[in-house]
Amino acid sequence: MVNRRKLLVRITTALLIGILFYIQFSTLWVEASTVNKGNTIEKHVDITLLIWSALIVGGCIIGTLSYVSWKKYNAEVKLKKEARKDKSVD
């Protein structure tokens, strides 16, 4: 029961952090600028949102894979312990 509660707290915290990052970095900033002279066009690509999205998605994937690996490891250890305790003859 305690492990389930800890997992719920971690998931809730991760969701809140994700929501805060979304709110912080999804706002559209409009800034005044001077008129360009001539036909030059400035191309400005802001990739910070892409980087943050990749980090959040990558972190979720890494967290999920770590959790699944840990559960598999625990199950294998439990099976080995049960196999050692089993002294019955077939």
N, C-alpha and C. Protein backbone atom coordinates (compact mmCIF):
# COMPACT_ATOMS: atom_id res chain seq x y z
N MET A 1 0.82 -1.18 0.00
CA MET A 1 0.00 0.00 0.00
C MET A 1 0.87 1.26 0.00
N VAL A 2 1.98 1.21 0.73
CA VAL A 2 2.87 2.36 0.79
C VAL A 2 3.51 2.60 -0.57
N ASN A 3 3.92 1.53 -1.27
CA ASN A 3 4.54 1.68 -2.58
C ASN A 3 3.57 2.29 -3.58
N ARG A 4 2.31 1.90 -3.51
CA ARG A 4 1.31 2.44 -4.41
C ARG A 4 1.12 3.94 -4.15
N ARG A 5 1.15 4.32 -2.90
CA ARG A 5 0.99 5.73 -2.54
C ARG A 5 2.18 6.54 -3.04
N LYS A 6 3.40 5.99 -2.87
CA LYS A 6 4.59 6.69 -3.36
C LYS A 6 4.54 6.85 -4.87
N LEU A 7 4.08 5.81 -5.58
CA LEU A 7 3.97 5.87 -7.02
C LEU A 7 2.96 6.94 -7.44
N LEU A 8 1.84 7.00 -6.73
CA LEU A 8 0.83 8.02 -7.03
C LEU A 8 1.37 9.42 -6.81
N VAL A 9 2.14 9.60 -5.74
CA VAL A 9 2.73 10.92 -5.47
C VAL A 9 3.73 11.29 -6.57
N ARG A 10 4.54 10.35 -6.99
CA ARG A 10 5.52 10.62 -8.04
C ARG A 10 4.85 10.96 -9.37
N ILE A 11 3.81 10.22 -9.71
CA ILE A 11 3.10 10.48 -10.97
C ILE A 11 2.44 11.85 -10.92
N THR A 12 1.81 12.17 -9.80
CA THR A 12 1.15 13.47 -9.66
C THR A 12 2.17 14.60 -9.75
N THR A 13 3.30 14.43 -9.10
CA THR A 13 4.35 15.45 -9.15
C THR A 13 4.86 15.64 -10.57
N ALA A 14 5.08 14.52 -11.28
CA ALA A 14 5.56 14.61 -12.67
C ALA A 14 4.54 15.31 -13.55
N LEU A 15 3.26 15.02 -13.36
CA LEU A 15 2.23 15.69 -14.15
C LEU A 15 2.18 17.19 -13.86
N LEU A 16 2.27 17.56 -12.60
CA LEU A 16 2.25 18.98 -12.25
C LEU A 16 3.45 19.72 -12.83
N ILE A 17 4.62 19.10 -12.77
CA ILE A 17 5.81 19.71 -13.35
C ILE A 17 5.64 19.87 -14.86
N GLY A 18 5.10 18.83 -15.51
CA GLY A 18 4.86 18.91 -16.95
C GLY A 18 3.87 20.01 -17.31
N ILE A 19 2.81 20.15 -16.52
CA ILE A 19 1.83 21.20 -16.77
C ILE A 19 2.47 22.57 -16.59
N LEU A 20 3.28 22.73 -15.54
CA LEU A 20 3.94 24.02 -15.32
C LEU A 20 4.90 24.37 -16.46
N PHE A 21 5.65 23.38 -16.94
CA PHE A 21 6.54 23.63 -18.07
C PHE A 21 5.73 24.01 -19.30
N TYR A 22 4.62 23.34 -19.52
CA TYR A 22 3.77 23.66 -20.67
C TYR A 22 3.26 25.09 -20.59
N ILE A 23 2.78 25.47 -19.42
CA ILE A 23 2.26 26.82 -19.26
C ILE A 23 3.37 27.85 -19.43
N GLN A 24 4.53 27.56 -18.87
CA GLN A 24 5.64 28.52 -18.92
C GLN A 24 6.15 28.71 -20.34
N PHE A 25 6.30 27.64 -21.10
CA PHE A 25 6.95 27.73 -22.39
C PHE A 25 6.00 27.74 -23.58
N SER A 26 4.70 27.65 -23.34
CA SER A 26 3.77 27.66 -24.47
C SER A 26 3.20 29.04 -24.72
N THR A 27 3.51 29.99 -23.88
CA THR A 27 2.99 31.34 -24.11
C THR A 27 3.66 31.95 -25.32
N LEU A 28 2.90 32.70 -26.06
CA LEU A 28 3.40 33.35 -27.27
C LEU A 28 3.86 34.75 -26.91
N TRP A 29 5.12 35.01 -27.14
CA TRP A 29 5.67 36.33 -26.84
C TRP A 29 5.69 37.15 -28.12
N VAL A 30 5.12 38.32 -28.04
CA VAL A 30 5.11 39.24 -29.18
C VAL A 30 5.95 40.44 -28.79
N GLU A 31 6.94 40.73 -29.61
CA GLU A 31 7.83 41.85 -29.32
C GLU A 31 7.84 42.81 -30.50
N ALA A 32 7.93 44.07 -30.19
CA ALA A 32 8.02 45.08 -31.24
C ALA A 32 9.45 45.11 -31.78
N SER A 33 9.56 45.34 -33.07
CA SER A 33 10.89 45.43 -33.66
C SER A 33 10.89 46.54 -34.70
N THR A 34 12.09 46.92 -35.10
CA THR A 34 12.21 47.97 -36.10
C THR A 34 11.91 47.39 -37.47
N VAL A 35 11.58 48.24 -38.39
CA VAL A 35 11.29 47.83 -39.76
C VAL A 35 12.59 47.42 -40.44
N ASN A 36 12.55 46.28 -41.13
CA ASN A 36 13.73 45.81 -41.86
C ASN A 36 13.99 46.72 -43.06
N LYS A 37 15.24 47.04 -43.29
CA LYS A 37 15.61 47.84 -44.45
C LYS A 37 15.98 46.90 -45.58
N GLY A 38 15.42 47.12 -46.73
CA GLY A 38 15.72 46.28 -47.88
C GLY A 38 14.82 45.05 -47.89
N ASN A 39 15.26 44.03 -48.62
CA ASN A 39 14.47 42.81 -48.79
C ASN A 39 14.97 41.67 -47.91
N THR A 40 15.74 41.97 -46.91
CA THR A 40 16.25 40.89 -46.06
C THR A 40 15.15 40.44 -45.11
N ILE A 41 15.04 39.15 -45.00
CA ILE A 41 14.04 38.55 -44.11
C ILE A 41 14.79 37.75 -43.05
N GLU A 42 14.50 38.07 -41.84
CA GLU A 42 15.14 37.34 -40.76
C GLU A 42 14.34 36.07 -40.48
N LYS A 43 15.05 34.98 -40.45
CA LYS A 43 14.40 33.71 -40.11
C LYS A 43 14.88 33.32 -38.73
N HIS A 44 13.97 33.36 -37.83
CA HIS A 44 14.30 33.03 -36.45
C HIS A 44 13.50 31.80 -36.04
N VAL A 45 14.21 30.75 -35.73
CA VAL A 45 13.54 29.52 -35.33
C VAL A 45 13.82 29.31 -33.85
N ASP A 46 12.78 29.30 -33.08
CA ASP A 46 12.91 29.09 -31.65
C ASP A 46 12.66 27.62 -31.35
N ILE A 47 13.71 26.90 -31.01
CA ILE A 47 13.56 25.46 -30.80
C ILE A 47 13.56 25.07 -29.33
N THR A 48 13.41 26.06 -28.46
CA THR A 48 13.42 25.71 -27.05
C THR A 48 12.22 24.82 -26.69
N LEU A 49 11.08 25.06 -27.30
CA LEU A 49 9.92 24.21 -27.03
C LEU A 49 10.18 22.78 -27.50
N LEU A 50 10.82 22.65 -28.64
CA LEU A 50 11.15 21.33 -29.16
C LEU A 50 12.10 20.60 -28.21
N ILE A 51 13.09 21.33 -27.71
CA ILE A 51 14.05 20.72 -26.79
C ILE A 51 13.36 20.28 -25.50
N TRP A 52 12.52 21.16 -24.93
CA TRP A 52 11.82 20.80 -23.70
C TRP A 52 10.87 19.62 -23.93
N SER A 53 10.19 19.60 -25.06
CA SER A 53 9.29 18.49 -25.36
C SER A 53 10.07 17.18 -25.47
N ALA A 54 11.20 17.24 -26.15
CA ALA A 54 12.02 16.04 -26.29
C ALA A 54 12.53 15.56 -24.93
N LEU A 55 12.92 16.50 -24.07
CA LEU A 55 13.40 16.12 -22.74
C LEU A 55 12.28 15.49 -21.90
N ILE A 56 11.10 16.06 -21.96
CA ILE A 56 9.98 15.53 -21.18
C ILE A 56 9.58 14.15 -21.68
N VAL A 57 9.45 14.00 -23.00
CA VAL A 57 9.07 12.70 -23.57
C VAL A 57 10.17 11.68 -23.31
N GLY A 58 11.42 12.07 -23.51
CA GLY A 58 12.54 11.15 -23.25
C GLY A 58 12.61 10.74 -21.79
N GLY A 59 12.37 11.68 -20.89
CA GLY A 59 12.35 11.37 -19.47
C GLY A 59 11.24 10.40 -19.11
N CYS A 60 10.07 10.59 -19.72
CA CYS A 60 8.96 9.65 -19.47
C CYS A 60 9.30 8.26 -19.98
N ILE A 61 9.91 8.18 -21.14
CA ILE A 61 10.28 6.88 -21.69
C ILE A 61 11.33 6.21 -20.81
N ILE A 62 12.33 6.94 -20.40
CA ILE A 62 13.38 6.39 -19.55
C ILE A 62 12.80 5.94 -18.21
N GLY A 63 11.92 6.75 -17.64
CA GLY A 63 11.27 6.38 -16.38
C GLY A 63 10.44 5.11 -16.50
N THR A 64 9.70 5.01 -17.59
CA THR A 64 8.87 3.82 -17.81
C THR A 64 9.73 2.57 -18.00
N LEU A 65 10.76 2.68 -18.80
CA LEU A 65 11.64 1.52 -19.03
C LEU A 65 12.36 1.11 -17.74
N SER A 66 12.76 2.08 -16.95
CA SER A 66 13.41 1.76 -15.67
C SER A 66 12.45 1.04 -14.73
N TYR A 67 11.21 1.52 -14.67
CA TYR A 67 10.21 0.90 -13.81
C TYR A 67 9.93 -0.54 -14.24
N VAL A 68 9.76 -0.76 -15.53
CA VAL A 68 9.48 -2.11 -16.03
C VAL A 68 10.66 -3.03 -15.78
N SER A 69 11.87 -2.53 -15.99
CA SER A 69 13.06 -3.35 -15.74
C SER A 69 13.17 -3.73 -14.27
N TRP A 70 12.88 -2.78 -13.39
CA TRP A 70 12.94 -3.05 -11.95
C TRP A 70 11.90 -4.09 -11.55
N LYS A 71 10.70 -3.99 -12.08
CA LYS A 71 9.65 -4.97 -11.78
C LYS A 71 10.05 -6.36 -12.29
N LYS A 72 10.63 -6.43 -13.47
CA LYS A 72 11.07 -7.71 -14.03
C LYS A 72 12.18 -8.32 -13.16
N TYR A 73 13.12 -7.49 -12.74
CA TYR A 73 14.21 -7.96 -11.90
C TYR A 73 13.66 -8.51 -10.58
N ASN A 74 12.73 -7.79 -9.96
CA ASN A 74 12.14 -8.27 -8.70
C ASN A 74 11.41 -9.59 -8.89
N ALA A 75 10.70 -9.74 -10.01
CA ALA A 75 9.98 -10.98 -10.27
C ALA A 75 10.96 -12.14 -10.46
N GLU A 76 12.07 -11.91 -11.15
CA GLU A 76 13.06 -12.97 -11.34
C GLU A 76 13.70 -13.38 -10.02
N VAL A 77 14.00 -12.42 -9.17
CA VAL A 77 14.58 -12.72 -7.86
C VAL A 77 13.59 -13.53 -7.03
N LYS A 78 12.33 -13.16 -7.08
CA LYS A 78 11.30 -13.88 -6.33
C LYS A 78 11.17 -15.32 -6.83
N LEU A 79 11.22 -15.52 -8.15
CA LEU A 79 11.15 -16.88 -8.70
C LEU A 79 12.35 -17.72 -8.26
N LYS A 80 13.52 -17.12 -8.23
CA LYS A 80 14.72 -17.85 -7.79
C LYS A 80 14.61 -18.25 -6.33
N LYS A 81 14.08 -17.36 -5.49
CA LYS A 81 13.90 -17.68 -4.07
C LYS A 81 12.89 -18.81 -3.89
N GLU A 82 11.81 -18.77 -4.66
CA GLU A 82 10.80 -19.82 -4.56
C GLU A 82 11.35 -21.15 -5.05
N ALA A 83 12.21 -21.11 -6.07
CA ALA A 83 12.80 -22.34 -6.59
C ALA A 83 13.74 -22.95 -5.55
N ARG A 84 14.45 -22.16 -4.78
CA ARG A 84 15.34 -22.67 -3.74
C ARG A 84 14.56 -23.28 -2.60
N LYS A 85 13.42 -22.68 -2.27
CA LYS A 85 12.61 -23.19 -1.15
C LYS A 85 11.89 -24.47 -1.51
N ASP A 86 11.62 -24.67 -2.79
CA ASP A 86 10.87 -25.85 -3.22
C ASP A 86 11.77 -27.08 -3.17
N LYS A 87 11.52 -27.96 -2.19
CA LYS A 87 12.34 -29.15 -2.02
C LYS A 87 11.53 -30.42 -2.33
N SER A 88 10.36 -30.24 -2.94
CA SER A 88 9.53 -31.40 -3.25
C SER A 88 10.13 -32.20 -4.41
N VAL A 89 9.80 -33.47 -4.42
CA VAL A 89 10.29 -34.37 -5.47
C VAL A 89 9.12 -34.63 -6.42
N ASP A 90 9.39 -34.50 -7.69
CA ASP A 90 8.33 -34.71 -8.68
C ASP A 90 8.07 -36.17 -8.89
